[in-house]
Protein backbone atom coordinates (compact mmCIF):
# COMPACT_ATOMS: atom_id res chain seq x y z
CA MET A 1 237.75 -129.90 -62.14
CA LYS A 2 239.86 -130.55 -59.31
CA SER A 3 239.17 -133.60 -57.61
CA ASN A 4 239.03 -134.15 -53.58
CA PRO A 5 238.52 -130.46 -53.51
CA THR A 6 238.61 -128.27 -49.98
CA LEU A 7 235.09 -127.01 -49.44
CA VAL A 8 234.18 -124.03 -46.88
CA VAL A 9 230.85 -123.40 -46.41
CA ILE A 10 230.13 -119.68 -45.77
CA ILE A 11 227.41 -118.70 -43.13
CA PRO A 12 226.65 -114.90 -42.52
CA ALA A 13 224.81 -114.70 -39.55
CA TYR A 14 223.17 -111.66 -37.69
CA ASN A 15 221.20 -112.31 -33.99
CA GLU A 16 220.74 -115.85 -35.29
CA GLN A 17 221.45 -117.41 -31.59
CA MET A 18 218.36 -119.79 -31.94
CA VAL A 19 218.90 -121.38 -35.00
CA LEU A 20 222.89 -121.45 -35.26
CA PRO A 21 223.77 -124.81 -33.24
CA GLU A 22 221.48 -126.66 -35.18
CA SER A 23 223.04 -125.08 -38.63
CA ILE A 24 226.09 -126.00 -37.90
CA LYS A 25 225.33 -129.54 -37.21
CA ARG A 26 223.45 -130.12 -39.87
CA ILE A 27 225.98 -128.44 -42.26
CA SER A 28 228.94 -130.30 -40.23
CA ASP A 29 227.17 -133.87 -40.71
CA ILE A 30 226.90 -133.15 -44.88
CA LEU A 31 230.54 -132.42 -44.94
CA ILE A 32 231.53 -135.53 -42.79
CA ASP A 33 229.46 -137.68 -45.34
CA MET A 34 231.04 -136.37 -48.19
CA ILE A 35 234.59 -136.50 -46.76
CA ASN A 36 233.74 -139.92 -45.92
CA SER A 37 232.96 -140.62 -49.61
CA ARG A 38 236.05 -138.90 -50.62
CA ARG A 39 234.14 -136.11 -52.41
CA ILE A 40 235.86 -133.48 -50.77
CA SER A 41 238.88 -132.87 -48.66
CA SER A 42 238.96 -133.62 -45.13
CA ASN A 43 240.30 -130.12 -44.53
CA SER A 44 236.83 -128.82 -45.38
CA TYR A 45 235.15 -126.82 -43.11
CA ILE A 46 232.59 -123.68 -42.07
CA CYS A 47 233.19 -120.39 -41.80
CA VAL A 48 230.62 -118.14 -39.84
CA VAL A 49 230.79 -114.49 -39.92
CA ASP A 50 229.07 -112.82 -37.25
CA ASP A 51 227.75 -109.44 -38.90
CA GLY A 52 227.97 -107.26 -35.81
CA SER A 53 224.82 -109.51 -33.87
CA ILE A 54 223.77 -108.12 -30.69
CA ASP A 55 222.96 -111.41 -28.93
CA HIS A 56 225.02 -114.62 -28.15
CA THR A 57 225.90 -115.17 -31.69
CA TRP A 58 229.51 -114.81 -31.41
CA ASN A 59 229.69 -116.73 -28.43
CA ILE A 60 228.38 -119.49 -29.99
CA ILE A 61 230.68 -119.28 -32.91
CA SER A 62 233.60 -119.42 -30.49
CA ASP A 63 232.20 -122.21 -28.61
CA LEU A 64 231.78 -124.00 -31.61
CA ALA A 65 235.40 -122.93 -32.80
CA LYS A 66 237.31 -124.23 -29.70
CA SER A 67 235.22 -127.37 -29.74
CA SER A 68 235.86 -128.76 -33.30
CA SER A 69 239.04 -130.44 -33.27
CA SER A 70 237.53 -133.54 -34.50
CA GLY A 71 235.16 -133.27 -37.93
CA PRO A 72 234.87 -130.40 -39.76
CA GLY A 73 236.63 -127.01 -38.13
CA VAL A 74 234.64 -124.11 -37.44
CA VAL A 75 236.28 -120.74 -38.31
CA GLY A 76 234.43 -117.81 -36.76
CA ILE A 77 234.76 -113.75 -38.12
CA LYS A 78 233.41 -111.16 -35.93
CA PHE A 79 232.23 -107.69 -37.78
CA ALA A 80 233.39 -104.60 -35.48
CA ARG A 81 229.76 -103.60 -36.56
CA ASN A 82 226.74 -104.74 -38.49
CA PHE A 83 227.78 -103.93 -42.15
CA GLY A 84 225.46 -105.94 -44.08
CA HIS A 85 224.72 -109.22 -45.71
CA GLN A 86 226.86 -108.61 -48.89
CA TYR A 87 229.65 -107.64 -47.36
CA ALA A 88 229.64 -110.77 -44.54
CA LEU A 89 229.78 -112.96 -47.72
CA ILE A 90 232.65 -111.19 -49.18
CA ALA A 91 234.47 -111.41 -45.59
CA GLY A 92 234.13 -114.93 -45.62
CA LEU A 93 235.38 -115.25 -49.41
CA LYS A 94 238.38 -113.17 -48.97
CA THR A 95 239.31 -114.66 -45.68
CA CYS A 96 238.68 -118.27 -45.94
CA PRO A 97 241.53 -120.50 -48.14
CA ALA A 98 239.49 -123.46 -50.21
CA ASP A 99 239.12 -124.70 -53.64
CA ILE A 100 235.22 -123.89 -54.08
CA TYR A 101 233.18 -122.10 -51.65
CA ILE A 102 229.23 -122.44 -50.74
CA THR A 103 227.19 -119.68 -49.12
CA ILE A 104 224.22 -120.50 -47.03
CA ASP A 105 222.13 -118.43 -44.83
CA ALA A 106 221.88 -119.51 -41.04
CA ASP A 107 218.21 -119.77 -41.00
CA LEU A 108 217.95 -123.25 -42.48
CA GLN A 109 215.48 -122.30 -45.00
CA ASP A 110 217.47 -123.31 -48.15
CA ASP A 111 217.65 -127.00 -47.94
CA GLU A 112 221.05 -128.22 -46.81
CA ASN A 113 220.86 -131.28 -48.45
CA ALA A 114 221.56 -129.49 -52.03
CA ILE A 115 225.04 -129.04 -51.66
CA TYR A 116 225.59 -132.78 -52.04
CA GLU A 117 224.04 -131.83 -55.78
CA MET A 118 226.04 -128.45 -56.05
CA VAL A 119 229.53 -130.29 -55.33
CA ASP A 120 228.55 -133.18 -58.12
CA HIS A 121 227.76 -130.37 -60.60
CA TYR A 122 231.33 -128.64 -59.81
CA LEU A 123 233.01 -132.04 -60.17
CA ARG A 124 231.44 -132.52 -63.46
CA GLY A 125 233.04 -128.58 -64.86
CA SER A 126 230.65 -126.15 -63.09
CA HIS A 127 232.40 -123.12 -61.68
CA ILE A 128 229.38 -121.64 -60.56
CA VAL A 129 226.17 -123.53 -59.42
CA TYR A 130 222.91 -121.65 -58.39
CA GLY A 131 220.39 -123.07 -55.80
CA VAL A 132 217.25 -122.23 -57.26
CA ARG A 133 213.87 -122.28 -55.60
CA LYS A 134 211.34 -124.87 -57.29
CA SER A 135 208.20 -122.59 -55.70
CA ARG A 136 207.24 -120.29 -53.50
CA THR A 137 204.36 -122.40 -51.63
CA VAL A 138 205.56 -121.53 -48.17
CA ASP A 139 205.59 -118.03 -48.69
CA THR A 140 202.64 -115.48 -47.97
CA LEU A 141 200.56 -114.02 -50.81
CA PHE A 142 202.42 -110.81 -49.92
CA LYS A 143 205.74 -112.02 -50.37
CA ARG A 144 205.04 -114.12 -53.62
CA LEU A 145 203.85 -111.23 -55.61
CA THR A 146 206.45 -108.90 -54.23
CA ALA A 147 208.92 -111.61 -55.19
CA LEU A 148 207.55 -111.88 -58.45
CA ALA A 149 207.45 -108.19 -58.68
CA PHE A 150 211.14 -108.00 -57.80
CA TYR A 151 212.34 -110.30 -60.37
CA LYS A 152 210.29 -108.81 -62.93
CA ILE A 153 211.81 -105.37 -62.44
CA MET A 154 215.10 -106.73 -61.96
CA LYS A 155 214.86 -108.47 -65.53
CA ILE A 156 213.37 -105.27 -67.18
CA CYS A 157 216.46 -103.55 -65.69
CA ARG A 158 218.95 -106.12 -67.31
CA THR A 159 220.82 -106.96 -64.06
CA GLY A 160 221.40 -110.42 -64.99
CA THR A 161 219.90 -111.98 -61.98
CA VAL A 162 218.64 -115.48 -61.65
CA TYR A 163 214.83 -116.18 -61.24
CA ASN A 164 214.22 -117.37 -57.48
CA HIS A 165 217.97 -117.51 -56.41
CA ALA A 166 219.16 -115.73 -53.77
CA ASP A 167 222.44 -116.10 -52.17
CA TYR A 168 222.80 -120.25 -51.83
CA ARG A 169 225.49 -121.10 -54.44
CA LEU A 170 228.75 -122.81 -54.91
CA LEU A 171 231.66 -120.67 -56.28
CA SER A 172 235.09 -122.18 -57.42
CA ARG A 173 238.24 -120.68 -56.63
CA GLU A 174 238.74 -119.04 -59.90
CA VAL A 175 235.23 -116.98 -59.60
CA VAL A 176 235.95 -116.01 -56.41
CA GLU A 177 239.65 -114.60 -57.34
CA GLU A 178 237.32 -112.69 -60.08
CA VAL A 179 234.53 -111.56 -57.81
CA LEU A 180 237.49 -110.01 -55.36
CA LYS A 181 238.29 -107.82 -58.40
CA PHE A 182 235.08 -105.78 -58.28
CA ARG A 183 236.08 -102.91 -55.53
CA GLU A 184 232.61 -101.34 -55.45
CA THR A 185 231.04 -100.23 -52.50
CA ASN A 186 227.54 -100.78 -53.46
CA LEU A 187 227.89 -104.68 -53.68
CA PHE A 188 224.80 -106.55 -55.45
CA LEU A 189 226.54 -109.97 -55.97
CA ARG A 190 223.46 -111.85 -57.27
CA ALA A 191 223.85 -109.41 -60.49
CA ILE A 192 228.00 -109.47 -60.32
CA ILE A 193 228.42 -113.49 -60.13
CA PRO A 194 226.18 -114.24 -63.18
CA SER A 195 227.95 -111.38 -65.13
CA ILE A 196 231.40 -112.74 -64.85
CA GLY A 197 230.70 -116.05 -67.17
CA PHE A 198 232.22 -119.27 -66.19
CA GLU A 199 230.26 -122.75 -66.87
CA GLN A 200 227.22 -122.49 -64.55
CA SER A 201 224.19 -124.72 -63.96
CA MET A 202 221.67 -124.67 -61.52
CA VAL A 203 220.53 -127.06 -58.66
CA TYR A 204 216.90 -126.90 -57.60
CA TYR A 205 215.33 -127.37 -54.02
CA ASP A 206 211.95 -126.61 -52.22
CA ARG A 207 212.77 -124.29 -49.64
CA LYS A 208 211.36 -124.53 -46.05
CA GLU A 209 210.01 -122.85 -43.22
CA ARG A 210 212.17 -120.94 -40.92
CA PHE A 211 213.89 -123.50 -38.21
CA ALA A 212 213.84 -120.71 -35.22
CA GLY A 213 214.04 -116.97 -35.00
CA LYS A 214 212.43 -114.02 -36.81
CA THR A 215 213.54 -113.32 -40.72
CA LYS A 216 216.27 -110.31 -40.43
CA TYR A 217 214.52 -109.23 -43.66
CA PRO A 218 211.18 -107.51 -43.29
CA VAL A 219 209.48 -105.75 -46.14
CA HIS A 220 211.51 -102.37 -45.64
CA ALA A 221 214.69 -104.17 -45.92
CA MET A 222 213.63 -105.90 -49.05
CA LEU A 223 212.29 -103.32 -50.69
CA ALA A 224 216.15 -101.13 -50.05
CA PHE A 225 217.86 -104.43 -50.76
CA ALA A 226 215.85 -104.25 -53.99
CA TRP A 227 216.24 -100.69 -55.00
CA ASN A 228 220.08 -101.01 -53.88
CA GLY A 229 220.55 -104.09 -56.37
CA ILE A 230 218.80 -101.52 -59.20
CA THR A 231 220.68 -98.61 -58.47
CA SER A 232 223.98 -100.57 -58.53
CA PHE A 233 223.91 -102.18 -61.31
CA SER A 234 221.25 -100.63 -64.02
CA THR A 235 221.18 -97.42 -65.69
CA ILE A 236 217.56 -97.88 -66.50
CA PRO A 237 216.38 -95.44 -64.37
CA LEU A 238 218.32 -92.66 -65.49
CA LYS A 239 217.16 -93.95 -68.71
CA PHE A 240 213.31 -93.55 -67.12
CA VAL A 241 214.29 -89.99 -66.36
CA SER A 242 215.18 -88.76 -70.01
CA PHE A 243 212.03 -90.81 -71.59
CA VAL A 244 209.83 -89.09 -68.83
CA GLY A 245 211.64 -85.42 -69.81
CA THR A 246 211.12 -86.09 -73.17
CA LEU A 247 207.42 -87.07 -72.76
CA ILE A 248 206.72 -84.20 -71.00
CA PHE A 249 208.25 -81.70 -72.97
CA LEU A 250 206.24 -83.46 -76.18
CA CYS A 251 203.18 -83.29 -74.33
CA THR A 252 204.10 -79.40 -73.38
CA ILE A 253 204.52 -78.32 -77.43
CA CYS A 254 201.04 -80.25 -77.95
CA GLY A 255 199.55 -78.33 -75.16
CA ALA A 256 201.32 -75.03 -76.29
CA MET A 257 199.69 -75.57 -80.01
CA TYR A 258 196.54 -76.35 -78.29
CA SER A 259 196.44 -73.03 -75.84
CA ILE A 260 197.57 -71.01 -79.05
CA TYR A 261 195.02 -72.54 -81.49
CA GLN A 262 192.08 -71.68 -78.87
CA LYS A 263 193.40 -68.47 -78.04
CA LEU A 264 193.16 -67.41 -81.74
CA CYS A 265 189.48 -69.12 -81.89
CA GLY A 266 189.03 -66.80 -78.84
CA ASN A 267 187.47 -69.27 -76.75
CA VAL A 268 190.15 -68.73 -73.60
CA VAL A 269 188.37 -69.27 -70.59
CA PRO A 270 190.32 -68.39 -67.13
CA GLY A 271 190.32 -71.35 -64.96
CA TRP A 272 192.20 -72.47 -61.46
CA THR A 273 192.09 -76.14 -62.45
CA SER A 274 193.93 -75.72 -66.02
CA THR A 275 196.49 -73.61 -64.10
CA VAL A 276 197.30 -75.54 -60.98
CA LEU A 277 197.36 -79.07 -62.22
CA PRO A 278 199.94 -78.72 -64.60
CA ILE A 279 202.03 -77.37 -61.75
CA PHE A 280 201.21 -80.50 -59.53
CA PHE A 281 202.22 -82.85 -62.07
CA LEU A 282 205.81 -81.02 -63.35
CA GLY A 283 206.44 -80.21 -59.88
CA GLY A 284 206.14 -83.95 -58.81
CA VAL A 285 207.82 -85.52 -62.07
CA GLN A 286 210.43 -83.30 -61.47
CA LEU A 287 211.26 -84.14 -57.71
CA LEU A 288 210.99 -87.83 -59.17
CA CYS A 289 213.42 -87.43 -61.25
CA VAL A 290 215.98 -85.44 -59.06
CA GLY A 291 215.19 -88.23 -56.32
CA ILE A 292 216.59 -90.80 -58.76
CA LEU A 293 219.79 -88.58 -59.91
CA GLY A 294 220.44 -88.09 -56.26
CA GLU A 295 220.62 -91.47 -55.69
CA TYR A 296 222.95 -92.06 -58.16
CA ILE A 297 225.32 -89.61 -56.92
CA GLY A 298 224.82 -90.38 -53.61
CA LYS A 299 226.21 -93.79 -54.57
CA MET A 300 229.07 -92.11 -56.71
CA TYR A 301 230.04 -90.00 -53.14
CA GLY A 302 230.06 -93.30 -51.48
CA GLU A 303 232.57 -94.61 -53.88
CA VAL A 304 234.71 -91.91 -54.24
CA LYS A 305 235.28 -91.80 -50.67
CA ASN A 306 236.73 -95.77 -50.75
CA ARG A 307 236.59 -96.21 -46.90
CA PRO A 308 236.52 -100.03 -46.09
CA ARG A 309 233.85 -102.32 -46.96
CA TYR A 310 233.62 -103.76 -43.44
CA ILE A 311 236.24 -103.80 -40.54
CA ILE A 312 236.74 -107.40 -38.52
CA GLU A 313 237.39 -107.18 -35.16
CA LYS A 314 237.95 -110.96 -34.23
CA THR A 315 238.76 -114.33 -35.43
CA MET A 316 238.30 -117.73 -33.95
CA GLY A 317 239.64 -120.95 -34.78
CA GLU A 318 242.29 -122.21 -37.79
CA THR A 319 241.50 -124.05 -40.71
CA LYS A 320 243.69 -127.32 -42.19
CA SER A 321 243.89 -126.28 -45.45
CA SER A 322 247.10 -125.77 -47.38
CA VAL A 323 245.14 -123.89 -50.13
CA MET A 324 246.38 -120.12 -50.07
CA PRO A 325 243.28 -117.26 -49.21
CA CYS A 326 241.97 -115.69 -52.62
CA LYS A 327 243.75 -112.24 -53.37
């Protein structure tokens, strides 16, 4: 591992005007402390990616970038519109030159002090360090249950995601260069990064209450994110369709044999229920299977068009790092 590495902390932000100044201050203090103790290079800095915010988030980023001549610099990247959290992370990784990268959300719920331990793990040889929550005591009962269901489903689908880990992690430059080789439009970094390999470790921390503002991940957004992750990195739903089709086929054979037996025995009694219920059941299963197939076909359609994953409208601030950006 490279000693005295250049570190960039990447913060995706969407309508975070209430919390961003405090986030930058806390992380800047940590970087200054690590620079003074010679754990990281004095060229280390912070990158904030504005994911198409409609409040004053970009104005705050611009002011911080202009006033960061002393201490760790602040670099701002502004998207032309809202492209999504995963693309904001990729934009930061691709644009910013550094030896190591740490990604963390702007809401201050992830314990920023875990950055110290992450860097120590890197200096001891880890290329990937996951920030993992110790518990979910600050979550509501509903969120705990849905989170548990999410990770269980991800495990069943063999996506390789790390339990209780979101997008708080450290990546070495070597890992980032491999991540950027993944060209798919439907990004799910929580599964892509574990699949790369390299030496990996974990840092455990207690998640805090949100400092200010409202969550940008309501229930419907979390469900959409989970579904995107499953269909982007697993073929289990397609195998489920095959399994259901086979099961229904076998049940149909059994039903046909039973009907023939009753016909031969003269026990056939015409009935509305026995006719309508199988039609409803089979119709529902067919629609479900067609919907799952349609989801995969839609993703293929998006990949084939090969449109830009994001568009950068403007950038703000400069880095002092001599390291070239990852290709």
